[in-house]
C-alpha atoms as a PDB file:
ATOM      1  CA  MET A   1     -10.410-132.762 -32.964  1.00  0.00           C
ATOM      2  CA  VAL A   2      -8.232-129.812 -31.925  1.00  0.00           C
ATOM      3  CA  GLU A   3      -4.557-130.790 -31.172  1.00  0.00           C
ATOM      4  CA  VAL A   4      -2.913-129.157 -28.005  1.00  0.00           C
ATOM      5  CA  VAL A   5       0.920-129.496 -27.266  1.00  0.00           C
ATOM      6  CA  ILE A   6       2.897-127.817 -24.600  1.00  0.00           C
ATOM      7  CA  LYS A   7       6.467-127.367 -26.098  1.00  0.00           C
ATOM      8  CA  SER A   8       9.381-126.891 -23.882  1.00  0.00           C
ATOM      9  CA  VAL A   9      11.908-125.154 -26.239  1.00  0.00           C
ATOM     10  CA  LYS A  10      15.631-125.888 -25.439  1.00  0.00           C
ATOM     11  CA  ASN A  11      16.882-122.828 -23.299  1.00  0.00           C
ATOM     12  CA  GLY A  12      13.739-121.145 -23.865  1.00  0.00           C
ATOM     13  CA  PRO A  13      10.194-120.835 -22.791  1.00  0.00           C
ATOM     14  CA  ASN A  14       7.180-123.209 -22.908  1.00  0.00           C
ATOM     15  CA  LEU A  15       4.938-122.708 -25.911  1.00  0.00           C
ATOM     16  CA  VAL A  16       1.403-123.731 -26.095  1.00  0.00           C
ATOM     17  CA  LEU A  17       0.571-124.796 -29.713  1.00  0.00           C
ATOM     18  CA  VAL A  18      -3.082-125.200 -30.847  1.00  0.00           C
ATOM     19  CA  ASP A  19      -3.144-127.171 -34.077  1.00  0.00           C
ATOM     20  CA  LYS A  20       0.703-126.558 -34.650  1.00  0.00           C
ATOM     21  CA  LYS A  21       0.288-122.764 -34.167  1.00  0.00           C
ATOM     22  CA  ALA A  22       1.997-121.090 -31.133  1.00  0.00           C
ATOM     23  CA  GLN A  23      -0.815-119.257 -29.129  1.00  0.00           C
ATOM     24  CA  VAL A  24       1.423-118.147 -26.151  1.00  0.00           C
ATOM     25  CA  ALA A  25       4.750-118.220 -24.871  1.00  0.00           C
ATOM     26  CA  LEU A  26       5.164-118.966 -20.886  1.00  0.00           C
ATOM     27  CA  CYS A  27       8.317-118.229 -18.950  1.00  0.00           C
ATOM     28  CA  ARG A  28      10.013-120.949 -17.467  1.00  0.00           C
ATOM     29  CA  CYS A  29      13.315-119.379 -16.463  1.00  0.00           C
ATOM     30  CA  GLY A  30      11.765-117.092 -13.761  1.00  0.00           C
ATOM     31  CA  HIS A  31      13.232-113.978 -14.983  1.00  0.00           C
ATOM     32  CA  SER A  32      10.523-112.412 -16.931  1.00  0.00           C
ATOM     33  CA  LYS A  33       9.015-109.233 -16.057  1.00  0.00           C
ATOM     34  CA  SER A  34       5.780-110.060 -17.498  1.00  0.00           C
ATOM     35  CA  LYS A  35       5.243-113.508 -15.735  1.00  0.00           C
ATOM     36  CA  PRO A  36       3.521-115.714 -16.661  1.00  0.00           C
ATOM     37  CA  LEU A  37       4.429-114.725 -20.324  1.00  0.00           C
ATOM     38  CA  CYS A  38       7.940-114.863 -21.707  1.00  0.00           C
ATOM     39  CA  ASP A  39       9.734-111.632 -22.299  1.00  0.00           C
ATOM     40  CA  GLY A  40      12.754-112.970 -23.698  1.00  0.00           C
ATOM     41  CA  SER A  41      14.718-112.452 -20.299  1.00  0.00           C
ATOM     42  CA  HIS A  42      16.044-116.078 -20.633  1.00  0.00           C
ATOM     43  CA  HIS A  43      18.684-115.063 -23.156  1.00  0.00           C
ATOM     44  CA  ALA A  44      20.307-112.500 -20.620  1.00  0.00           C
ATOM     45  CA  ALA A  45      19.949-114.988 -17.739  1.00  0.00           C
ATOM     46  CA  ASN A  46      21.849-117.800 -19.708  1.00  0.00           C
ATOM     47  CA  PHE A  47      18.992-120.181 -18.894  1.00  0.00           C
ATOM     48  CA  GLU A  48      19.489-123.794 -19.914  1.00  0.00           C
ATOM     49  CA  ALA A  49      16.946-126.406 -19.985  1.00  0.00           C
ATOM     50  CA  ASP A  50      16.102-129.398 -22.362  1.00  0.00           C
ATOM     51  CA  GLU A  51      13.487-129.467 -25.139  1.00  0.00           C
ATOM     52  CA  LYS A  52      10.339-131.496 -24.265  1.00  0.00           C
ATOM     53  CA  GLU A  53       6.778-131.999 -25.945  1.00  0.00           C
ATOM     54  CA  THR A  54       3.766-132.853 -24.136  1.00  0.00           C
ATOM     55  CA  LYS A  55       0.474-133.591 -25.742  1.00  0.00           C
ATOM     56  CA  ILE A  56      -2.693-132.890 -24.004  1.00  0.00           C
ATOM     57  CA  LEU A  57      -5.618-135.084 -24.552  1.00  0.00           C
END
């Protein structure tokens, strides 16, 4: 069975992990120029958010 996890990185993007390998980084700061993908804009924006992990069943 494939394990899918959405990991919200502290002060960073949402990572979609499939079998513990990152497949895509999704913007959650709102500043990315390539939405919905993260382009690292959260650094310049001083984005702050907690870390969280959600398993998809």
